[in-house]
Amino acid sequence: MVLNQTMTLIGKTAKELQLDQWVQGDPVKLKQLLGTVILIEVFQVNCPGCFLHSLPQAIDLYQRYSNKGLNVLGIATAFEDYDKNTLNNLKRLVENNEVFGETLKVLQQQNKLVADRLAYHIPFPVAMDKINKHHTKISNAEITHFINQQLPDFRRYNSLQQKQIQQQAFNYLESRLYTAETFRLYALQGTPSHIIIDKKGIIRGCEFGYFTELEWLITTLLEE
């Protein structure tokens, strides 16, 4: 269901980002970047794959295409591990190349750090996503909506199974105490995610994980 929601965004005008704070670079609105191609690289501080693959790729694209009309924006978000995916840790990452949690552990194991610091610096603007605390009481309507998204055939289950599913849904929703605005606006699946916007402000790509055609799409849009 999330994937379908993401795909419906393709071809639509990009929604303005709702951010907490820019920690590197001047604050910018997407409408200010009309006439350029935009890559929004969404990551979490506690996401080893983001630092092993997607951020190095974004940095490489920035270095090779920024003078040809590409703008890259890094958005640090949080949909889990809220004690590690914080604004303070993002600032320490940007200012001192510090890494944390699983990112630190995995990069140490793969000898990707220099004196326990990230071996590269993120050169483009970086902001912290706006993270809103969810209200503590989960309504029956929210539970029903969530179940219908995940299990369209929910009514086919027997009453005992339905009660078990409802309890599982309640437990899951209750555990999600926060909502990341970029995730909500762009129906993202996880990190890393890549949002590509053309010169007219139209979303032309929104992908989760390794995006094999990212450079091809960017160079194609730069030529339009």
Protein backbone atom coordinates (compact mmCIF):
# COMPACT_ATOMS: atom_id res chain seq x y z
CA MET A 1 0.00 0.00 0.00
CA VAL A 2 2.81 2.43 0.83
CA LEU A 3 4.47 1.62 -2.47
CA ASN A 4 1.25 2.43 -4.35
CA GLN A 5 0.92 5.72 -2.49
CA THR A 6 4.49 6.60 -3.43
CA MET A 7 3.92 5.80 -7.09
CA THR A 8 0.86 8.07 -7.22
CA LEU A 9 3.12 11.02 -6.42
CA ILE A 10 5.08 10.65 -9.66
CA GLY A 11 4.09 13.41 -12.06
CA LYS A 12 2.71 15.67 -9.33
CA THR A 13 4.12 18.93 -8.01
CA ALA A 14 6.56 18.33 -5.16
CA LYS A 15 5.23 19.28 -1.74
CA GLU A 16 7.25 21.79 0.24
CA LEU A 17 9.40 20.15 2.87
CA GLN A 18 8.39 20.50 6.52
CA LEU A 19 11.68 20.61 8.42
CA ASP A 20 12.85 21.18 11.96
CA GLN A 21 16.19 22.85 11.33
CA TRP A 22 18.89 23.30 8.70
CA VAL A 23 22.20 22.20 10.22
CA GLN A 24 24.33 22.85 7.14
CA GLY A 25 23.78 25.38 4.38
CA ASP A 26 21.25 28.19 4.15
CA PRO A 27 17.54 27.41 4.59
CA VAL A 28 15.96 26.81 1.21
CA LYS A 29 12.48 26.20 -0.20
CA LEU A 30 11.91 23.91 -3.16
CA LYS A 31 10.21 26.72 -5.04
CA GLN A 32 13.49 28.66 -4.86
CA LEU A 33 15.18 25.87 -6.81
CA LEU A 34 12.83 25.88 -9.81
CA GLY A 35 14.86 25.65 -13.01
CA THR A 36 17.22 23.07 -11.50
CA VAL A 37 17.01 19.33 -10.93
CA ILE A 38 16.71 18.40 -7.26
CA LEU A 39 17.81 15.22 -5.53
CA ILE A 40 16.50 14.90 -1.97
CA GLU A 41 18.50 12.23 -0.17
CA VAL A 42 16.57 11.02 2.88
CA PHE A 43 18.60 9.13 5.47
CA GLN A 44 18.78 8.28 9.15
CA VAL A 45 21.82 8.78 11.34
CA ASN A 46 21.36 5.21 12.57
CA CYS A 47 21.26 3.62 9.10
CA PRO A 48 24.49 1.85 8.05
CA GLY A 49 23.31 1.37 4.46
CA CYS A 50 22.81 5.10 4.10
CA PHE A 51 26.46 5.73 4.89
CA LEU A 52 27.86 2.78 2.99
CA HIS A 53 26.00 3.36 -0.26
CA SER A 54 23.44 6.14 -0.72
CA LEU A 55 25.27 9.11 0.80
CA PRO A 56 28.52 8.35 -1.08
CA GLN A 57 26.46 8.06 -4.27
CA ALA A 58 24.71 11.38 -3.58
CA ILE A 59 28.04 13.06 -2.85
CA ASP A 60 29.48 11.74 -6.10
CA LEU A 61 26.48 13.00 -8.08
CA TYR A 62 26.71 16.37 -6.33
CA GLN A 63 30.40 16.72 -7.16
CA ARG A 64 29.91 15.82 -10.83
CA TYR A 65 26.64 17.54 -11.65
CA SER A 66 26.12 20.49 -9.28
CA ASN A 67 27.75 22.82 -11.80
CA LYS A 68 25.36 21.51 -14.46
CA GLY A 69 22.15 22.33 -12.64
CA LEU A 70 21.78 19.67 -9.93
CA ASN A 71 20.88 20.59 -6.36
CA VAL A 72 21.25 17.92 -3.67
CA LEU A 73 19.55 18.25 -0.28
CA GLY A 74 20.16 15.85 2.59
CA ILE A 75 17.23 15.26 4.95
CA ALA A 76 17.92 13.31 8.14
CA THR A 77 14.72 11.74 9.40
CA ALA A 78 13.57 9.33 12.12
CA PHE A 79 10.96 6.60 11.97
CA GLU A 80 12.69 4.36 14.55
CA ASP A 81 15.57 4.46 17.05
CA TYR A 82 14.53 7.92 18.21
CA ASP A 83 17.30 7.97 20.82
CA LYS A 84 19.94 7.87 18.06
CA ASN A 85 18.26 9.60 15.11
CA THR A 86 18.32 12.98 16.82
CA LEU A 87 19.02 16.56 15.88
CA ASN A 88 22.00 16.62 18.24
CA ASN A 89 23.57 13.55 16.64
CA LEU A 90 22.97 15.01 13.19
CA LYS A 91 24.82 18.17 14.21
CA ARG A 92 27.74 16.09 15.50
CA LEU A 93 27.77 14.18 12.22
CA VAL A 94 27.85 17.32 10.09
CA GLU A 95 30.32 19.21 12.30
CA ASN A 96 32.69 16.42 13.32
CA ASN A 97 31.92 13.44 11.07
CA GLU A 98 30.80 11.46 14.12
CA VAL A 99 28.62 8.38 13.62
CA PHE A 100 26.48 6.46 16.09
CA GLY A 101 24.72 3.21 16.89
CA GLU A 102 24.58 0.57 14.18
CA THR A 103 26.23 2.95 11.73
CA LEU A 104 29.29 3.17 13.96
CA LYS A 105 29.33 -0.60 14.53
CA VAL A 106 28.97 -1.63 10.89
CA LEU A 107 31.42 0.96 9.53
CA GLN A 108 33.98 -0.11 12.15
CA GLN A 109 33.57 -3.73 11.09
CA GLN A 110 34.12 -2.83 7.45
CA ASN A 111 37.07 -0.51 8.15
CA LYS A 112 35.24 2.47 6.70
CA LEU A 113 36.16 4.92 9.48
CA VAL A 114 39.20 7.04 10.21
CA ALA A 115 39.83 7.35 13.96
CA ASP A 116 36.18 6.30 14.47
CA ARG A 117 35.01 9.20 12.31
CA LEU A 118 33.34 9.12 8.92
CA ALA A 119 35.98 9.13 6.22
CA TYR A 120 34.09 11.66 4.09
CA HIS A 121 32.20 14.89 4.66
CA ILE A 122 28.71 15.63 3.37
CA PRO A 123 29.18 18.73 1.18
CA PHE A 124 25.58 19.68 0.37
CA PRO A 125 22.90 21.33 2.56
CA VAL A 126 21.53 19.10 5.32
CA ALA A 127 18.40 19.51 7.44
CA MET A 128 16.61 17.61 10.19
CA ASP A 129 13.15 16.40 9.36
CA LYS A 130 10.28 17.67 11.46
CA ILE A 131 9.33 14.90 13.89
CA ASN A 132 5.91 15.29 15.51
CA LYS A 133 4.94 13.43 18.65
CA HIS A 134 1.87 11.29 18.08
CA HIS A 135 -1.05 11.62 20.44
CA THR A 136 -0.95 8.87 23.02
CA LYS A 137 -4.49 7.51 22.59
CA ILE A 138 -5.03 5.34 19.50
CA SER A 139 -8.61 5.47 18.25
CA ASN A 140 -10.59 2.55 16.86
CA ALA A 141 -10.87 4.45 13.58
CA GLU A 142 -7.06 4.60 13.27
CA ILE A 143 -6.79 0.89 13.97
CA THR A 144 -9.43 0.09 11.36
CA HIS A 145 -7.78 2.35 8.76
CA PHE A 146 -4.37 0.80 9.36
CA ILE A 147 -5.71 -2.75 9.12
CA ASN A 148 -7.60 -1.98 5.91
CA GLN A 149 -4.38 -0.62 4.38
CA GLN A 150 -2.40 -3.73 5.26
CA LEU A 151 -5.11 -6.41 4.98
CA PRO A 152 -7.86 -5.53 2.48
CA ASP A 153 -9.40 -8.99 3.12
CA PHE A 154 -9.54 -8.50 6.89
CA ARG A 155 -13.23 -9.45 7.05
CA ARG A 156 -12.43 -12.94 5.79
CA TYR A 157 -10.66 -13.78 9.06
CA ASN A 158 -12.65 -15.37 11.89
CA SER A 159 -13.55 -13.34 14.98
CA LEU A 160 -10.67 -14.64 17.08
CA GLN A 161 -8.15 -13.85 14.34
CA GLN A 162 -9.67 -10.39 13.87
CA LYS A 163 -9.28 -9.62 17.56
CA GLN A 164 -5.65 -10.76 17.45
CA ILE A 165 -4.97 -8.61 14.38
CA GLN A 166 -6.65 -5.61 15.99
CA GLN A 167 -4.51 -6.02 19.10
CA GLN A 168 -1.34 -6.33 17.00
CA ALA A 169 -2.32 -3.20 15.06
CA PHE A 170 -2.99 -1.32 18.29
CA ASN A 171 0.39 -2.37 19.72
CA TYR A 172 2.16 -1.28 16.53
CA LEU A 173 0.43 2.09 16.31
CA GLU A 174 0.96 2.77 20.00
CA SER A 175 4.68 2.07 19.60
CA ARG A 176 4.93 4.70 16.87
CA LEU A 177 5.05 7.73 19.09
CA TYR A 178 6.36 10.06 16.42
CA THR A 179 5.57 10.96 12.81
CA ALA A 180 8.28 12.14 10.42
CA GLU A 181 6.84 14.80 8.12
CA THR A 182 8.92 13.90 5.06
CA PHE A 183 7.78 10.29 5.39
CA ARG A 184 4.18 11.42 5.61
CA LEU A 185 4.36 13.90 2.73
CA TYR A 186 6.13 11.54 0.33
CA ALA A 187 4.78 8.18 1.61
CA LEU A 188 8.32 6.84 2.02
CA GLN A 189 9.05 3.21 2.86
CA GLY A 190 12.33 3.56 4.71
CA THR A 191 15.87 4.85 4.42
CA PRO A 192 17.69 5.53 2.27
CA SER A 193 15.10 7.11 0.00
CA HIS A 194 15.69 9.26 -3.06
CA ILE A 195 13.25 11.91 -4.28
CA ILE A 196 13.98 13.40 -7.72
CA ILE A 197 12.29 16.61 -8.84
CA ASP A 198 12.57 18.11 -12.31
CA LYS A 199 13.16 21.73 -13.33
CA LYS A 200 9.43 22.48 -13.21
CA GLY A 201 9.06 21.20 -9.66
CA ILE A 202 7.45 17.90 -10.68
CA ILE A 203 8.32 14.63 -8.90
CA ARG A 204 9.93 12.29 -11.40
CA GLY A 205 11.23 9.62 -9.05
CA CYS A 206 10.74 8.44 -5.47
CA GLU A 207 12.67 5.28 -4.64
CA PHE A 208 13.59 3.34 -1.51
CA GLY A 209 16.89 1.48 -1.22
CA TYR A 210 19.45 1.11 -3.98
CA PHE A 211 18.32 3.06 -7.05
CA THR A 212 20.22 1.70 -10.04
CA GLU A 213 18.85 4.28 -12.49
CA LEU A 214 19.41 7.35 -10.31
CA GLU A 215 22.25 8.84 -12.34
CA TRP A 216 20.51 8.07 -15.63
CA LEU A 217 17.34 9.84 -14.46
CA ILE A 218 19.25 12.88 -13.21
CA THR A 219 21.26 13.30 -16.40
CA THR A 220 18.09 12.87 -18.47
CA LEU A 221 16.31 15.58 -16.50
CA LEU A 222 19.30 17.91 -16.71
CA GLU A 223 19.05 17.75 -20.48
CA GLU A 224 15.35 18.66 -20.57
